[in-house]
């Protein structure tokens, strides 16, 4: 594993964590998970199992630690792990198209829906709450899909430009 790539992945996760901490909560304190967005950027840059595993574990643990959802630690870990590998599979299937920004935005939106669904399902199961899934999905997940898509549309082109100018060995720099 390349140390420079590990540093870039750590920077992506830390930017996601910082955004998560400073962005105010919506709908009763729930926050969109910008660490998820940065995890998706990391997977697009480094689409291999080792890197995805590291990104999934670190974003899952950090999201869990910062979670404002009651009992949200373990659901965050479960959610990030499953979402990361499903997202990787989609990136590998659509390898020819992931260089196009609209395709990657759509993938991020789908990944956010998957992540939110897994998180809410795991959270409701873990805490055994009688919380209506559909209410949380509409009030938390759908706004998160919109915000993550918009954030990704701004962040990803900037990261791609920086990666192309640097000497990082990523999927993007190798495709260029």
N, C-alpha and C. Protein backbone atom coordinates (compact mmCIF):
# COMPACT_ATOMS: atom_id res chain seq x y z
N UNK A 1 0.84 -1.17 0.00
CA UNK A 1 0.00 0.00 0.00
C UNK A 1 0.89 1.24 0.00
N UNK A 2 0.56 2.20 -0.83
CA UNK A 2 1.33 3.42 -1.00
C UNK A 2 1.03 4.39 0.15
N UNK A 3 2.07 4.88 0.81
CA UNK A 3 1.90 5.78 1.95
C UNK A 3 1.23 7.08 1.53
N UNK A 4 1.57 7.61 0.36
CA UNK A 4 0.94 8.85 -0.11
C UNK A 4 -0.56 8.65 -0.29
N UNK A 5 -0.95 7.51 -0.79
CA UNK A 5 -2.37 7.23 -0.97
C UNK A 5 -3.08 7.10 0.37
N UNK A 6 -2.41 6.48 1.34
CA UNK A 6 -2.99 6.39 2.69
C UNK A 6 -3.19 7.78 3.29
N UNK A 7 -2.23 8.66 3.06
CA UNK A 7 -2.34 10.03 3.57
C UNK A 7 -3.51 10.74 2.91
N UNK A 8 -3.67 10.57 1.60
CA UNK A 8 -4.79 11.20 0.91
C UNK A 8 -6.12 10.66 1.42
N UNK A 9 -6.20 9.35 1.63
CA UNK A 9 -7.44 8.78 2.17
C UNK A 9 -7.71 9.32 3.57
N UNK A 10 -6.67 9.45 4.39
CA UNK A 10 -6.84 10.01 5.74
C UNK A 10 -7.31 11.46 5.67
N UNK A 11 -6.78 12.22 4.72
CA UNK A 11 -7.23 13.60 4.54
C UNK A 11 -8.69 13.67 4.13
N UNK A 12 -9.10 12.79 3.23
CA UNK A 12 -10.50 12.76 2.81
C UNK A 12 -11.42 12.46 4.00
N UNK A 13 -11.04 11.46 4.78
CA UNK A 13 -11.85 11.10 5.95
C UNK A 13 -11.89 12.24 6.95
N UNK A 14 -10.74 12.90 7.16
CA UNK A 14 -10.72 13.99 8.14
C UNK A 14 -11.52 15.20 7.66
N UNK A 15 -11.50 15.48 6.37
CA UNK A 15 -12.35 16.56 5.84
C UNK A 15 -13.82 16.20 6.03
N UNK A 16 -14.16 14.95 5.77
CA UNK A 16 -15.54 14.50 6.00
C UNK A 16 -15.95 14.62 7.45
N UNK A 17 -15.05 14.25 8.36
CA UNK A 17 -15.34 14.34 9.79
C UNK A 17 -15.50 15.80 10.21
N UNK A 18 -14.64 16.66 9.69
CA UNK A 18 -14.75 18.08 10.02
C UNK A 18 -16.06 18.66 9.52
N UNK A 19 -16.42 18.35 8.29
CA UNK A 19 -17.70 18.83 7.75
C UNK A 19 -18.86 18.31 8.60
N UNK A 20 -18.78 17.06 9.01
CA UNK A 20 -19.85 16.47 9.81
C UNK A 20 -20.00 17.20 11.15
N UNK A 21 -18.88 17.55 11.75
CA UNK A 21 -18.91 18.20 13.06
C UNK A 21 -19.42 19.64 12.96
N UNK A 22 -19.01 20.38 11.92
CA UNK A 22 -19.36 21.79 11.86
C UNK A 22 -20.71 22.08 11.22
N UNK A 23 -21.24 21.16 10.44
CA UNK A 23 -22.54 21.38 9.80
C UNK A 23 -23.63 21.23 10.86
N UNK A 24 -24.53 22.21 10.97
CA UNK A 24 -25.59 22.10 11.98
C UNK A 24 -26.59 21.01 11.63
N UNK A 25 -27.24 20.49 12.65
CA UNK A 25 -28.23 19.43 12.46
C UNK A 25 -29.51 19.97 11.84
N UNK A 26 -30.22 19.06 11.18
CA UNK A 26 -31.52 19.39 10.61
C UNK A 26 -32.54 18.41 11.17
N UNK A 27 -33.78 18.77 11.12
CA UNK A 27 -34.86 17.87 11.55
C UNK A 27 -34.59 17.24 12.91
N UNK A 28 -34.49 18.06 13.93
CA UNK A 28 -34.29 17.53 15.27
C UNK A 28 -32.86 17.13 15.58
N UNK A 29 -31.89 17.71 14.89
CA UNK A 29 -30.50 17.43 15.19
C UNK A 29 -29.83 16.40 14.30
N UNK A 30 -30.58 15.76 13.40
CA UNK A 30 -29.97 14.78 12.50
C UNK A 30 -29.09 15.52 11.50
N UNK A 31 -27.96 14.91 11.15
CA UNK A 31 -27.01 15.54 10.25
C UNK A 31 -26.78 14.68 9.02
N UNK A 32 -26.64 15.32 7.85
CA UNK A 32 -26.21 14.55 6.69
C UNK A 32 -24.78 14.07 6.93
N UNK A 33 -24.45 12.91 6.46
CA UNK A 33 -23.16 12.29 6.74
C UNK A 33 -22.16 12.61 5.63
N UNK A 34 -21.42 13.70 5.81
CA UNK A 34 -20.44 14.08 4.81
C UNK A 34 -19.23 13.16 4.81
N UNK A 35 -19.05 12.38 5.86
CA UNK A 35 -17.99 11.37 5.83
C UNK A 35 -18.33 10.32 4.77
N UNK A 36 -19.60 10.08 4.57
CA UNK A 36 -20.05 9.16 3.53
C UNK A 36 -19.64 9.69 2.16
N UNK A 37 -19.86 10.98 1.94
CA UNK A 37 -19.48 11.60 0.67
C UNK A 37 -17.98 11.45 0.43
N UNK A 38 -17.20 11.72 1.46
CA UNK A 38 -15.75 11.62 1.30
C UNK A 38 -15.30 10.17 1.14
N UNK A 39 -16.02 9.24 1.75
CA UNK A 39 -15.73 7.82 1.55
C UNK A 39 -15.95 7.46 0.08
N UNK A 40 -17.03 7.98 -0.50
CA UNK A 40 -17.29 7.72 -1.92
C UNK A 40 -16.18 8.29 -2.80
N UNK A 41 -15.71 9.49 -2.48
CA UNK A 41 -14.60 10.08 -3.23
C UNK A 41 -13.37 9.17 -3.12
N UNK A 42 -13.08 8.70 -1.92
CA UNK A 42 -11.95 7.80 -1.71
C UNK A 42 -12.08 6.50 -2.50
N UNK A 43 -13.28 5.95 -2.54
CA UNK A 43 -13.49 4.71 -3.30
C UNK A 43 -13.31 4.95 -4.79
N UNK A 44 -13.78 6.09 -5.28
CA UNK A 44 -13.60 6.40 -6.69
C UNK A 44 -12.13 6.60 -7.04
N UNK A 45 -11.35 7.14 -6.11
CA UNK A 45 -9.92 7.35 -6.35
C UNK A 45 -9.12 6.06 -6.20
N UNK A 46 -9.50 5.24 -5.23
CA UNK A 46 -8.74 4.03 -4.90
C UNK A 46 -9.67 2.81 -4.88
N UNK A 47 -10.13 2.37 -6.05
CA UNK A 47 -11.12 1.29 -6.09
C UNK A 47 -10.51 -0.11 -5.98
N UNK A 48 -10.02 -0.43 -4.79
CA UNK A 48 -9.58 -1.80 -4.55
C UNK A 48 -10.01 -2.20 -3.14
N UNK A 49 -10.03 -3.48 -2.88
CA UNK A 49 -10.61 -4.02 -1.66
C UNK A 49 -9.89 -3.52 -0.41
N UNK A 50 -8.56 -3.50 -0.42
CA UNK A 50 -7.81 -3.06 0.77
C UNK A 50 -8.16 -1.62 1.15
N UNK A 51 -8.13 -0.75 0.16
CA UNK A 51 -8.42 0.66 0.43
C UNK A 51 -9.87 0.87 0.84
N UNK A 52 -10.78 0.16 0.21
CA UNK A 52 -12.19 0.28 0.56
C UNK A 52 -12.43 -0.22 1.98
N UNK A 53 -11.76 -1.29 2.35
CA UNK A 53 -11.88 -1.79 3.72
C UNK A 53 -11.43 -0.73 4.72
N UNK A 54 -10.27 -0.12 4.48
CA UNK A 54 -9.78 0.93 5.37
C UNK A 54 -10.73 2.12 5.43
N UNK A 55 -11.21 2.55 4.28
CA UNK A 55 -12.15 3.68 4.25
C UNK A 55 -13.43 3.34 4.99
N UNK A 56 -13.94 2.13 4.79
CA UNK A 56 -15.20 1.73 5.44
C UNK A 56 -15.05 1.68 6.96
N UNK A 57 -13.98 1.09 7.43
CA UNK A 57 -13.79 0.98 8.87
C UNK A 57 -13.59 2.36 9.50
N UNK A 58 -12.72 3.18 8.91
CA UNK A 58 -12.45 4.48 9.53
C UNK A 58 -13.67 5.40 9.48
N UNK A 59 -14.37 5.45 8.36
CA UNK A 59 -15.55 6.31 8.30
C UNK A 59 -16.67 5.76 9.18
N UNK A 60 -16.78 4.45 9.27
CA UNK A 60 -17.81 3.86 10.14
C UNK A 60 -17.58 4.17 11.60
N UNK A 61 -16.33 4.01 12.05
CA UNK A 61 -16.02 4.28 13.45
C UNK A 61 -16.18 5.76 13.77
N UNK A 62 -15.63 6.62 12.91
CA UNK A 62 -15.75 8.06 13.17
C UNK A 62 -17.20 8.54 13.09
N UNK A 63 -17.94 8.05 12.13
CA UNK A 63 -19.37 8.41 12.05
C UNK A 63 -20.10 7.95 13.30
N UNK A 64 -19.75 6.76 13.77
CA UNK A 64 -20.38 6.24 14.97
C UNK A 64 -20.04 7.07 16.20
N UNK A 65 -18.79 7.50 16.29
CA UNK A 65 -18.37 8.31 17.44
C UNK A 65 -19.05 9.68 17.45
N UNK A 66 -19.26 10.24 16.27
CA UNK A 66 -19.86 11.57 16.17
C UNK A 66 -21.38 11.53 16.01
N UNK A 67 -21.95 10.36 15.95
CA UNK A 67 -23.38 10.23 15.69
C UNK A 67 -24.23 10.88 16.77
N UNK A 68 -25.27 11.59 16.34
CA UNK A 68 -26.23 12.17 17.28
C UNK A 68 -27.46 11.27 17.41
N UNK A 69 -27.49 10.20 16.64
CA UNK A 69 -28.61 9.26 16.68
C UNK A 69 -28.43 8.35 17.90
N UNK A 70 -29.48 8.16 18.70
CA UNK A 70 -29.34 7.29 19.88
C UNK A 70 -28.94 5.86 19.47
N UNK A 71 -27.87 5.37 20.04
CA UNK A 71 -27.40 4.02 19.71
C UNK A 71 -26.82 3.92 18.32
N UNK A 72 -26.30 5.02 17.78
CA UNK A 72 -25.86 5.07 16.39
C UNK A 72 -24.47 4.56 16.09
N UNK A 73 -23.71 4.14 17.11
CA UNK A 73 -22.33 3.71 16.86
C UNK A 73 -22.28 2.47 15.97
N UNK A 74 -22.88 1.38 16.41
CA UNK A 74 -22.81 0.13 15.64
C UNK A 74 -23.56 0.19 14.31
N UNK A 75 -24.73 0.83 14.26
CA UNK A 75 -25.37 0.96 12.95
C UNK A 75 -24.51 1.71 11.93
N UNK A 76 -23.73 2.70 12.38
CA UNK A 76 -22.83 3.41 11.47
C UNK A 76 -21.75 2.50 10.92
N UNK A 77 -21.20 1.66 11.76
CA UNK A 77 -20.15 0.74 11.31
C UNK A 77 -20.73 -0.27 10.30
N UNK A 78 -21.87 -0.83 10.64
CA UNK A 78 -22.53 -1.78 9.74
C UNK A 78 -22.85 -1.12 8.41
N UNK A 79 -23.43 0.06 8.50
CA UNK A 79 -23.85 0.80 7.30
C UNK A 79 -22.66 1.12 6.40
N UNK A 80 -21.60 1.67 6.93
CA UNK A 80 -20.46 2.08 6.10
C UNK A 80 -19.78 0.88 5.46
N UNK A 81 -19.69 -0.20 6.21
CA UNK A 81 -19.03 -1.39 5.68
C UNK A 81 -19.79 -1.97 4.48
N UNK A 82 -21.08 -2.15 4.64
CA UNK A 82 -21.88 -2.70 3.55
C UNK A 82 -21.94 -1.73 2.37
N UNK A 83 -22.20 -0.46 2.67
CA UNK A 83 -22.33 0.54 1.62
C UNK A 83 -21.04 0.68 0.82
N UNK A 84 -19.89 0.66 1.50
CA UNK A 84 -18.61 0.82 0.81
C UNK A 84 -18.39 -0.29 -0.22
N UNK A 85 -18.68 -1.52 0.16
CA UNK A 85 -18.41 -2.62 -0.77
C UNK A 85 -19.46 -2.71 -1.88
N UNK A 86 -20.69 -2.33 -1.61
CA UNK A 86 -21.69 -2.26 -2.68
C UNK A 86 -21.31 -1.15 -3.65
N UNK A 87 -20.88 -0.01 -3.11
CA UNK A 87 -20.45 1.11 -3.95
C UNK A 87 -19.26 0.70 -4.81
N UNK A 88 -18.29 -0.01 -4.21
CA UNK A 88 -17.14 -0.50 -4.97
C UNK A 88 -17.60 -1.41 -6.11
N UNK A 89 -18.54 -2.30 -5.83
CA UNK A 89 -19.05 -3.20 -6.88
C UNK A 89 -19.68 -2.40 -8.01
N UNK A 90 -20.45 -1.36 -7.67
CA UNK A 90 -21.07 -0.52 -8.70
C UNK A 90 -20.01 0.23 -9.51
N UNK A 91 -18.98 0.71 -8.84
CA UNK A 91 -17.90 1.41 -9.54
C UNK A 91 -17.20 0.46 -10.50
N UNK A 92 -16.97 -0.77 -10.07
CA UNK A 92 -16.31 -1.75 -10.94
C UNK A 92 -17.20 -2.13 -12.13
N UNK A 93 -18.50 -2.25 -11.88
CA UNK A 93 -19.43 -2.58 -12.97
C UNK A 93 -19.53 -1.45 -13.99
N UNK A 94 -19.47 -0.23 -13.51
CA UNK A 94 -19.64 0.93 -14.38
C UNK A 94 -18.31 1.63 -14.65
N UNK A 95 -17.24 0.86 -14.68
CA UNK A 95 -15.88 1.41 -14.80
C UNK A 95 -15.73 2.38 -15.97
N UNK A 96 -16.37 2.08 -17.08
CA UNK A 96 -16.25 2.93 -18.27
C UNK A 96 -16.97 4.26 -18.12
N UNK A 97 -17.93 4.33 -17.20
CA UNK A 97 -18.76 5.52 -17.09
C UNK A 97 -18.46 6.40 -15.88
N UNK A 98 -17.68 5.90 -14.93
CA UNK A 98 -17.47 6.65 -13.69
C UNK A 98 -16.59 7.88 -13.87
N UNK A 99 -16.04 8.07 -15.05
CA UNK A 99 -15.27 9.29 -15.29
C UNK A 99 -16.19 10.48 -15.58
N UNK A 100 -17.46 10.22 -15.79
CA UNK A 100 -18.43 11.29 -16.07
C UNK A 100 -19.09 11.73 -14.76
N UNK A 101 -19.07 13.03 -14.50
CA UNK A 101 -19.59 13.57 -13.24
C UNK A 101 -21.06 13.23 -13.00
N UNK A 102 -21.96 13.34 -14.00
CA UNK A 102 -23.36 12.98 -13.71
C UNK A 102 -23.53 11.52 -13.26
N UNK A 103 -22.72 10.63 -13.81
CA UNK A 103 -22.79 9.22 -13.41
C UNK A 103 -22.34 9.06 -11.97
N UNK A 104 -21.24 9.73 -11.61
CA UNK A 104 -20.75 9.61 -10.24
C UNK A 104 -21.70 10.25 -9.25
N UNK A 105 -22.34 11.36 -9.64
CA UNK A 105 -23.34 11.98 -8.74
C UNK A 105 -24.50 11.02 -8.53
N UNK A 106 -24.95 10.36 -9.59
CA UNK A 106 -26.04 9.38 -9.46
C UNK A 106 -25.61 8.22 -8.57
N UNK A 107 -24.37 7.76 -8.71
CA UNK A 107 -23.86 6.69 -7.85
C UNK A 107 -23.82 7.12 -6.39
N UNK A 108 -23.39 8.35 -6.14
CA UNK A 108 -23.35 8.87 -4.77
C UNK A 108 -24.77 8.96 -4.20
N UNK A 109 -25.71 9.40 -5.01
CA UNK A 109 -27.10 9.48 -4.55
C UNK A 109 -27.63 8.08 -4.20
N UNK A 110 -27.36 7.11 -5.08
CA UNK A 110 -27.81 5.74 -4.80
C UNK A 110 -27.10 5.19 -3.56
N UNK A 111 -25.81 5.47 -3.44
CA UNK A 111 -25.05 5.02 -2.27
C UNK A 111 -25.58 5.63 -0.98
N UNK A 112 -26.00 6.90 -1.04
CA UNK A 112 -26.55 7.56 0.14
C UNK A 112 -27.89 6.96 0.52
N UNK A 113 -28.72 6.65 -0.47
CA UNK A 113 -30.00 5.98 -0.19
C UNK A 113 -29.75 4.63 0.46
N UNK A 114 -28.81 3.86 -0.10
CA UNK A 114 -28.47 2.56 0.47
C UNK A 114 -27.95 2.71 1.89
N UNK A 115 -27.04 3.66 2.08
CA UNK A 115 -26.46 3.89 3.40
C UNK A 115 -27.54 4.26 4.42
N UNK A 116 -28.41 5.18 4.05
CA UNK A 116 -29.48 5.60 4.95
C UNK A 116 -30.42 4.46 5.29
N UNK A 117 -30.73 3.65 4.30
CA UNK A 117 -31.63 2.51 4.52
C UNK A 117 -30.99 1.49 5.47
N UNK A 118 -29.73 1.18 5.23
CA UNK A 118 -29.03 0.23 6.10
C UNK A 118 -28.90 0.80 7.51
N UNK A 119 -28.51 2.08 7.60
CA UNK A 119 -28.33 2.69 8.92
C UNK A 119 -29.63 2.68 9.71
N UNK A 120 -30.72 3.13 9.10
CA UNK A 120 -31.99 3.19 9.82
C UNK A 120 -32.47 1.79 10.21
N UNK A 121 -32.33 0.84 9.31
CA UNK A 121 -32.74 -0.53 9.62
C UNK A 121 -31.93 -1.09 10.78
N UNK A 122 -30.61 -0.90 10.72
CA UNK A 122 -29.75 -1.40 11.79
C UNK A 122 -30.02 -0.67 13.10
N UNK A 123 -30.23 0.63 13.04
CA UNK A 123 -30.48 1.41 14.25
C UNK A 123 -31.79 1.01 14.90
N UNK A 124 -32.82 0.85 14.11
CA UNK A 124 -34.12 0.45 14.67
C UNK A 124 -34.01 -0.95 15.28
N UNK A 125 -33.25 -1.83 14.61
CA UNK A 125 -33.06 -3.19 15.14
C UNK A 125 -32.23 -3.17 16.42
N UNK A 126 -31.13 -2.41 16.43
CA UNK A 126 -30.21 -2.40 17.58
C UNK A 126 -30.87 -1.78 18.81
N UNK A 127 -31.53 -0.64 18.65
CA UNK A 127 -32.12 -0.01 19.83
C UNK A 127 -33.53 -0.51 20.11
N UNK A 128 -34.06 -1.30 19.18
CA UNK A 128 -35.39 -1.87 19.39
C UNK A 128 -36.48 -0.84 19.52
N UNK A 129 -36.32 0.26 18.82
CA UNK A 129 -37.27 1.36 18.95
C UNK A 129 -38.48 1.16 18.05
N UNK A 130 -39.50 1.85 18.40
CA UNK A 130 -40.73 1.84 17.63
C UNK A 130 -40.80 3.09 16.76
N UNK A 131 -39.70 3.42 16.11
CA UNK A 131 -39.61 4.62 15.28
C UNK A 131 -40.07 4.26 13.87
N UNK A 132 -40.95 5.05 13.30
CA UNK A 132 -41.39 4.75 11.93
C UNK A 132 -40.26 4.97 10.92
N UNK A 133 -39.89 3.90 10.24
CA UNK A 133 -38.81 3.94 9.26
C UNK A 133 -39.10 4.98 8.19
N UNK A 134 -40.32 4.98 7.66
CA UNK A 134 -40.66 5.87 6.55
C UNK A 134 -40.53 7.34 6.92
N UNK A 135 -40.88 7.67 8.15
CA UNK A 135 -40.76 9.06 8.61
C UNK A 135 -39.29 9.48 8.63
N UNK A 136 -38.44 8.64 9.21
CA UNK A 136 -37.02 8.95 9.25
C UNK A 136 -36.40 8.97 7.85
N UNK A 137 -36.85 8.09 7.00
CA UNK A 137 -36.32 8.04 5.63
C UNK A 137 -36.62 9.34 4.90
N UNK A 138 -37.85 9.80 5.01
CA UNK A 138 -38.26 11.02 4.31
C UNK A 138 -37.62 12.26 4.92
N UNK A 139 -37.54 12.32 6.25
CA UNK A 139 -37.04 13.54 6.89
C UNK A 139 -35.53 13.61 7.05
N UNK A 140 -34.84 12.47 6.99
CA UNK A 140 -33.40 12.48 7.19
C UNK A 140 -32.65 11.99 5.95
N UNK A 141 -33.03 10.84 5.42
CA UNK A 141 -32.27 10.24 4.32
C UNK A 141 -32.42 11.04 3.03
N UNK A 142 -33.63 11.39 2.66
CA UNK A 142 -33.82 12.11 1.40
C UNK A 142 -33.12 13.48 1.39
N UNK A 143 -33.21 14.27 2.47
CA UNK A 143 -32.40 15.50 2.47
C UNK A 143 -30.90 15.23 2.41
N UNK A 144 -30.47 14.14 3.06
CA UNK A 144 -29.05 13.78 3.01
C UNK A 144 -28.62 13.42 1.58
N UNK A 145 -29.50 12.76 0.84
CA UNK A 145 -29.20 12.41 -0.56
C UNK A 145 -28.98 13.70 -1.36
N UNK A 146 -29.85 14.65 -1.18
CA UNK A 146 -29.73 15.92 -1.89
C UNK A 146 -28.45 16.66 -1.49
N UNK A 147 -28.21 16.79 -0.19
CA UNK A 147 -27.02 17.50 0.27
C UNK A 147 -25.73 16.80 -0.11
N UNK A 148 -25.69 15.48 0.00
CA UNK A 148 -24.49 14.73 -0.38
C UNK A 148 -24.23 14.85 -1.89
N UNK A 149 -25.29 14.81 -2.68
CA UNK A 149 -25.14 14.96 -4.14
C UNK A 149 -24.58 16.33 -4.50
N UNK A 150 -25.11 17.37 -3.87
CA UNK A 150 -24.63 18.74 -4.13
C UNK A 150 -23.19 18.89 -3.65
N UNK A 151 -22.90 18.41 -2.44
CA UNK A 151 -21.53 18.50 -1.91
C UNK A 151 -20.56 17.75 -2.81
N UNK A 152 -20.95 16.56 -3.25
CA UNK A 152 -20.09 15.76 -4.11
C UNK A 152 -19.84 16.48 -5.43
N UNK A 153 -20.87 17.10 -5.99
CA UNK A 153 -20.74 17.80 -7.27
C UNK A 153 -19.72 18.94 -7.18
N UNK A 154 -19.58 19.54 -6.01
CA UNK A 154 -18.59 20.60 -5.83
C UNK A 154 -17.21 20.04 -5.45
N UNK A 155 -17.19 19.07 -4.57
CA UNK A 155 -15.93 18.57 -4.01
C UNK A 155 -15.17 17.69 -5.00
N UNK A 156 -15.84 16.78 -5.66
CA UNK A 156 -15.16 15.80 -6.51
C UNK A 156 -14.34 16.43 -7.64
N UNK A 157 -14.88 17.39 -8.39
CA UNK A 157 -14.04 18.00 -9.43
C UNK A 157 -12.79 18.69 -8.87
N UNK A 158 -12.91 19.28 -7.69
CA UNK A 158 -11.75 19.92 -7.07
C UNK A 158 -10.70 18.87 -6.71
N UNK A 159 -11.15 17.78 -6.10
CA UNK A 159 -10.22 16.70 -5.73
C UNK A 159 -9.57 16.11 -6.98
N UNK A 160 -10.35 15.90 -8.02
CA UNK A 160 -9.82 15.33 -9.27
C UNK A 160 -8.74 16.25 -9.86
N UNK A 161 -9.01 17.54 -9.87
CA UNK A 161 -8.03 18.50 -10.39
C UNK A 161 -6.73 18.44 -9.58
N UNK A 162 -6.86 18.41 -8.26
CA UNK A 162 -5.68 18.34 -7.41
C UNK A 162 -4.91 17.03 -7.59
N UNK A 163 -5.63 15.95 -7.73
CA UNK A 163 -4.98 14.63 -7.90
C UNK A 163 -4.25 14.57 -9.23
N UNK A 164 -4.86 15.14 -10.27
CA UNK A 164 -4.21 15.11 -11.58
C UNK A 164 -2.93 15.95 -11.59
N UNK A 165 -2.89 17.01 -10.80
CA UNK A 165 -1.70 17.87 -10.73
C UNK A 165 -0.62 17.28 -9.84
N UNK A 166 -0.99 16.37 -8.98
CA UNK A 166 -0.04 15.77 -8.05
C UNK A 166 0.51 14.48 -8.62
N UNK A 167 1.27 13.79 -7.82
CA UNK A 167 1.83 12.51 -8.26
C UNK A 167 1.18 11.34 -7.54
N UNK A 168 -0.08 11.53 -7.13
CA UNK A 168 -0.80 10.43 -6.50
C UNK A 168 -1.17 9.40 -7.56
N UNK A 169 -1.07 8.14 -7.19
CA UNK A 169 -1.46 7.07 -8.08
C UNK A 169 -2.88 6.66 -7.75
N UNK A 170 -3.82 7.20 -8.49
CA UNK A 170 -5.23 6.91 -8.26
C UNK A 170 -5.84 6.36 -9.54
N UNK A 171 -7.06 5.90 -9.44
CA UNK A 171 -7.78 5.42 -10.61
C UNK A 171 -7.96 6.56 -11.61
N UNK A 172 -8.13 7.77 -11.11
CA UNK A 172 -8.33 8.94 -11.95
C UNK A 172 -7.03 9.32 -12.68
N UNK A 173 -5.92 9.36 -11.96
CA UNK A 173 -4.66 9.74 -12.59
C UNK A 173 -4.18 8.68 -13.58
N UNK A 174 -4.52 7.43 -13.34
CA UNK A 174 -4.12 6.37 -14.26
C UNK A 174 -4.99 6.36 -15.51
N UNK A 175 -6.23 6.84 -15.39
CA UNK A 175 -7.14 6.88 -16.53
C UNK A 175 -6.83 8.07 -17.44
N UNK A 176 -6.20 9.10 -16.88
CA UNK A 176 -5.94 10.34 -17.65
C UNK A 176 -4.82 10.16 -18.64
